[in-house]
Amino acid sequence: MTETGRDQIYVAHMLECIQRVERYVGTDKDQFLTNTLLQDAVMRVLQVMAESGQRLSSDIKSTQNQIDWRAIAGFRNILVHDYLGGIDLELIWVTVQQDLPVLKNALLKMSA
């Protein structure tokens, strides 16, 4: 499989993850902050999405240089390794509401 083909698989997967998070949380912050099952689901999907982002080629990432790809990888590492230190649910909420729509738009452009 070509690099472009692999990239498109990862882009599609990331978009699917974003759509799942959107379905899970909607706009109900209180439900997100009080429902641990929902929190766990969202954080797991974000982790998997970020892992796909790490697998994107430099070439395709460079087409959307407004996205902080390193920050996405760092966010994934926090989700995976900092669970005992306590995850900041407010930060997760802000990420879902503000950062995911920007990433989604970039991914849609990458998939075109």
C-alpha atoms as a PDB file:
ATOM      1  CA  MET A   1       0.000   0.000   0.000  1.00  0.00           C
ATOM      2  CA  THR A   2       1.257   3.485  -0.812  1.00  0.00           C
ATOM      3  CA  GLU A   3       1.901   6.171   1.778  1.00  0.00           C
ATOM      4  CA  THR A   4      -1.031   8.139   0.385  1.00  0.00           C
ATOM      5  CA  GLY A   5      -3.295   5.128   0.766  1.00  0.00           C
ATOM      6  CA  ARG A   6      -2.214   4.599   4.373  1.00  0.00           C
ATOM      7  CA  ASP A   7      -2.716   8.271   5.108  1.00  0.00           C
ATOM      8  CA  GLN A   8      -6.251   8.150   3.780  1.00  0.00           C
ATOM      9  CA  ILE A   9      -7.059   5.169   6.004  1.00  0.00           C
ATOM     10  CA  TYR A  10      -5.774   7.038   9.072  1.00  0.00           C
ATOM     11  CA  VAL A  11      -7.589  10.233   8.105  1.00  0.00           C
ATOM     12  CA  ALA A  12     -10.844   8.315   7.677  1.00  0.00           C
ATOM     13  CA  HIS A  13     -10.314   6.609  11.022  1.00  0.00           C
ATOM     14  CA  MET A  14      -9.677   9.925  12.763  1.00  0.00           C
ATOM     15  CA  LEU A  15     -12.845  11.372  11.263  1.00  0.00           C
ATOM     16  CA  GLU A  16     -14.807   8.350  12.448  1.00  0.00           C
ATOM     17  CA  CYS A  17     -13.412   8.840  15.957  1.00  0.00           C
ATOM     18  CA  ILE A  18     -14.418  12.494  15.969  1.00  0.00           C
ATOM     19  CA  GLN A  19     -17.931  11.594  14.854  1.00  0.00           C
ATOM     20  CA  ARG A  20     -18.177   9.070  17.686  1.00  0.00           C
ATOM     21  CA  VAL A  21     -17.077  11.647  20.256  1.00  0.00           C
ATOM     22  CA  GLU A  22     -19.578  14.141  18.845  1.00  0.00           C
ATOM     23  CA  ARG A  23     -22.352  11.558  19.192  1.00  0.00           C
ATOM     24  CA  TYR A  24     -21.295  10.632  22.709  1.00  0.00           C
ATOM     25  CA  VAL A  25     -21.074  14.091  24.243  1.00  0.00           C
ATOM     26  CA  GLY A  26     -23.313  16.365  22.220  1.00  0.00           C
ATOM     27  CA  THR A  27     -23.369  19.664  24.085  1.00  0.00           C
ATOM     28  CA  ASP A  28     -24.248  18.365  27.560  1.00  0.00           C
ATOM     29  CA  LYS A  29     -21.253  19.338  29.672  1.00  0.00           C
ATOM     30  CA  ASP A  30     -22.896  18.380  32.973  1.00  0.00           C
ATOM     31  CA  GLN A  31     -23.573  14.865  31.749  1.00  0.00           C
ATOM     32  CA  PHE A  32     -19.982  14.540  30.562  1.00  0.00           C
ATOM     33  CA  LEU A  33     -18.579  15.800  33.878  1.00  0.00           C
ATOM     34  CA  THR A  34     -20.695  13.435  35.980  1.00  0.00           C
ATOM     35  CA  ASN A  35     -20.850  10.263  33.872  1.00  0.00           C
ATOM     36  CA  THR A  36     -17.663   8.228  34.286  1.00  0.00           C
ATOM     37  CA  LEU A  37     -18.715   5.728  31.626  1.00  0.00           C
ATOM     38  CA  LEU A  38     -19.063   8.565  29.133  1.00  0.00           C
ATOM     39  CA  GLN A  39     -15.727  10.042  30.213  1.00  0.00           C
ATOM     40  CA  ASP A  40     -13.989   6.701  29.762  1.00  0.00           C
ATOM     41  CA  ALA A  41     -15.511   6.212  26.306  1.00  0.00           C
ATOM     42  CA  VAL A  42     -14.568   9.698  25.124  1.00  0.00           C
ATOM     43  CA  MET A  43     -11.021   9.482  26.450  1.00  0.00           C
ATOM     44  CA  ARG A  44     -10.487   6.074  24.856  1.00  0.00           C
ATOM     45  CA  VAL A  45     -11.731   7.260  21.469  1.00  0.00           C
ATOM     46  CA  LEU A  46      -9.543  10.377  21.709  1.00  0.00           C
ATOM     47  CA  GLN A  47      -6.556   8.192  22.532  1.00  0.00           C
ATOM     48  CA  VAL A  48      -7.155   5.913  19.547  1.00  0.00           C
ATOM     49  CA  MET A  49      -7.722   8.921  17.287  1.00  0.00           C
ATOM     50  CA  ALA A  50      -4.453  10.506  18.404  1.00  0.00           C
ATOM     51  CA  GLU A  51      -2.602   7.255  17.745  1.00  0.00           C
ATOM     52  CA  SER A  52      -3.839   7.350  14.154  1.00  0.00           C
ATOM     53  CA  GLY A  53      -2.636  10.948  13.951  1.00  0.00           C
ATOM     54  CA  GLN A  54       0.841   9.842  14.928  1.00  0.00           C
ATOM     55  CA  ARG A  55       0.851   7.431  11.993  1.00  0.00           C
ATOM     56  CA  LEU A  56       0.098  10.099   9.381  1.00  0.00           C
ATOM     57  CA  SER A  57       2.992  10.937   7.099  1.00  0.00           C
ATOM     58  CA  SER A  58       4.822  14.230   7.412  1.00  0.00           C
ATOM     59  CA  ASP A  59       3.740  15.054   3.882  1.00  0.00           C
ATOM     60  CA  ILE A  60       0.024  14.953   4.623  1.00  0.00           C
ATOM     61  CA  LYS A  61       0.443  16.689   7.985  1.00  0.00           C
ATOM     62  CA  SER A  62       2.252  19.534   6.254  1.00  0.00           C
ATOM     63  CA  THR A  63      -0.875  20.232   4.181  1.00  0.00           C
ATOM     64  CA  GLN A  64      -2.606  21.318   7.404  1.00  0.00           C
ATOM     65  CA  ASN A  65       0.149  23.076   9.293  1.00  0.00           C
ATOM     66  CA  GLN A  66      -2.337  25.036  11.429  1.00  0.00           C
ATOM     67  CA  ILE A  67      -2.847  21.797  13.367  1.00  0.00           C
ATOM     68  CA  ASP A  68      -0.412  21.223  16.221  1.00  0.00           C
ATOM     69  CA  TRP A  69       0.316  17.566  15.502  1.00  0.00           C
ATOM     70  CA  ARG A  70       2.833  17.373  18.346  1.00  0.00           C
ATOM     71  CA  ALA A  71       0.203  18.578  20.786  1.00  0.00           C
ATOM     72  CA  ILE A  72      -2.149  15.823  19.625  1.00  0.00           C
ATOM     73  CA  ALA A  73       0.563  13.242  20.289  1.00  0.00           C
ATOM     74  CA  GLY A  74       1.259  14.813  23.668  1.00  0.00           C
ATOM     75  CA  PHE A  75      -2.434  14.775  24.518  1.00  0.00           C
ATOM     76  CA  ARG A  76      -2.530  11.072  23.705  1.00  0.00           C
ATOM     77  CA  ASN A  77       0.414  10.458  26.026  1.00  0.00           C
ATOM     78  CA  ILE A  78      -1.369  12.267  28.853  1.00  0.00           C
ATOM     79  CA  LEU A  79      -4.498  10.179  28.319  1.00  0.00           C
ATOM     80  CA  VAL A  80      -2.495   6.960  28.317  1.00  0.00           C
ATOM     81  CA  HIS A  81       0.039   7.644  31.049  1.00  0.00           C
ATOM     82  CA  ASP A  82      -1.408  10.218  33.426  1.00  0.00           C
ATOM     83  CA  TYR A  83      -4.583   8.480  34.499  1.00  0.00           C
ATOM     84  CA  LEU A  84      -3.356   8.119  38.095  1.00  0.00           C
ATOM     85  CA  GLY A  85      -2.471  11.805  38.243  1.00  0.00           C
ATOM     86  CA  GLY A  86      -6.030  12.653  37.409  1.00  0.00           C
ATOM     87  CA  ILE A  87      -7.270  13.720  34.027  1.00  0.00           C
ATOM     88  CA  ASP A  88      -8.553  17.284  33.800  1.00  0.00           C
ATOM     89  CA  LEU A  89     -12.113  16.775  32.605  1.00  0.00           C
ATOM     90  CA  GLU A  90     -12.537  20.489  31.925  1.00  0.00           C
ATOM     91  CA  LEU A  91      -9.574  20.300  29.552  1.00  0.00           C
ATOM     92  CA  ILE A  92     -11.065  17.260  27.835  1.00  0.00           C
ATOM     93  CA  TRP A  93     -14.366  19.142  27.449  1.00  0.00           C
ATOM     94  CA  VAL A  94     -12.658  22.199  25.956  1.00  0.00           C
ATOM     95  CA  THR A  95     -10.690  19.960  23.612  1.00  0.00           C
ATOM     96  CA  VAL A  96     -13.860  18.235  22.421  1.00  0.00           C
ATOM     97  CA  GLN A  97     -15.824  21.461  21.972  1.00  0.00           C
ATOM     98  CA  GLN A  98     -13.123  23.742  20.543  1.00  0.00           C
ATOM     99  CA  ASP A  99     -10.242  21.717  19.139  1.00  0.00           C
ATOM    100  CA  LEU A 100     -12.005  18.745  17.576  1.00  0.00           C
ATOM    101  CA  PRO A 101     -14.073  20.873  15.155  1.00  0.00           C
ATOM    102  CA  VAL A 102     -10.864  22.516  13.887  1.00  0.00           C
ATOM    103  CA  LEU A 103      -9.179  19.133  13.514  1.00  0.00           C
ATOM    104  CA  LYS A 104     -12.272  17.731  11.804  1.00  0.00           C
ATOM    105  CA  ASN A 105     -12.193  20.508   9.196  1.00  0.00           C
ATOM    106  CA  ALA A 106      -8.509  19.899   8.552  1.00  0.00           C
ATOM    107  CA  LEU A 107      -9.074  16.156   8.193  1.00  0.00           C
ATOM    108  CA  LEU A 108     -11.944  16.738   5.781  1.00  0.00           C
ATOM    109  CA  LYS A 109      -9.598  18.819   3.618  1.00  0.00           C
ATOM    110  CA  MET A 110      -6.976  16.064   3.829  1.00  0.00           C
ATOM    111  CA  SER A 111      -9.490  13.479   2.676  1.00  0.00           C
ATOM    112  CA  ALA A 112     -10.607  15.445  -0.370  1.00  0.00           C
END
